[in-house]
Amino acid sequence: MADYKKGEKVEYRPVGGGNDNVSTTTGIITNVEKGDDGEARYTIQNDNTGKETTYQAMNIVGKA
């Protein structure tokens, strides 16, 4: 699993996980933090809506 950094533009799935067959969108990572389970959580600002939501790494498809 790749590590992403603040400021990187990524393609991600806003619903479901990395293996789900749903559409993708793009956004900029605005914050990276560790969850209680030790896994990274990425706050992504959506390019289309401007809204920020936090996702697990499994939702990120790759760099855009």
Foldseek 3Di string as FASTA:
>chain_A
DDDDDAFFKFKFAPDDFLPDPDDIFIFGFHDWDADPVRFIKTWTQTPPPRDTDIDGPRGTPGGD
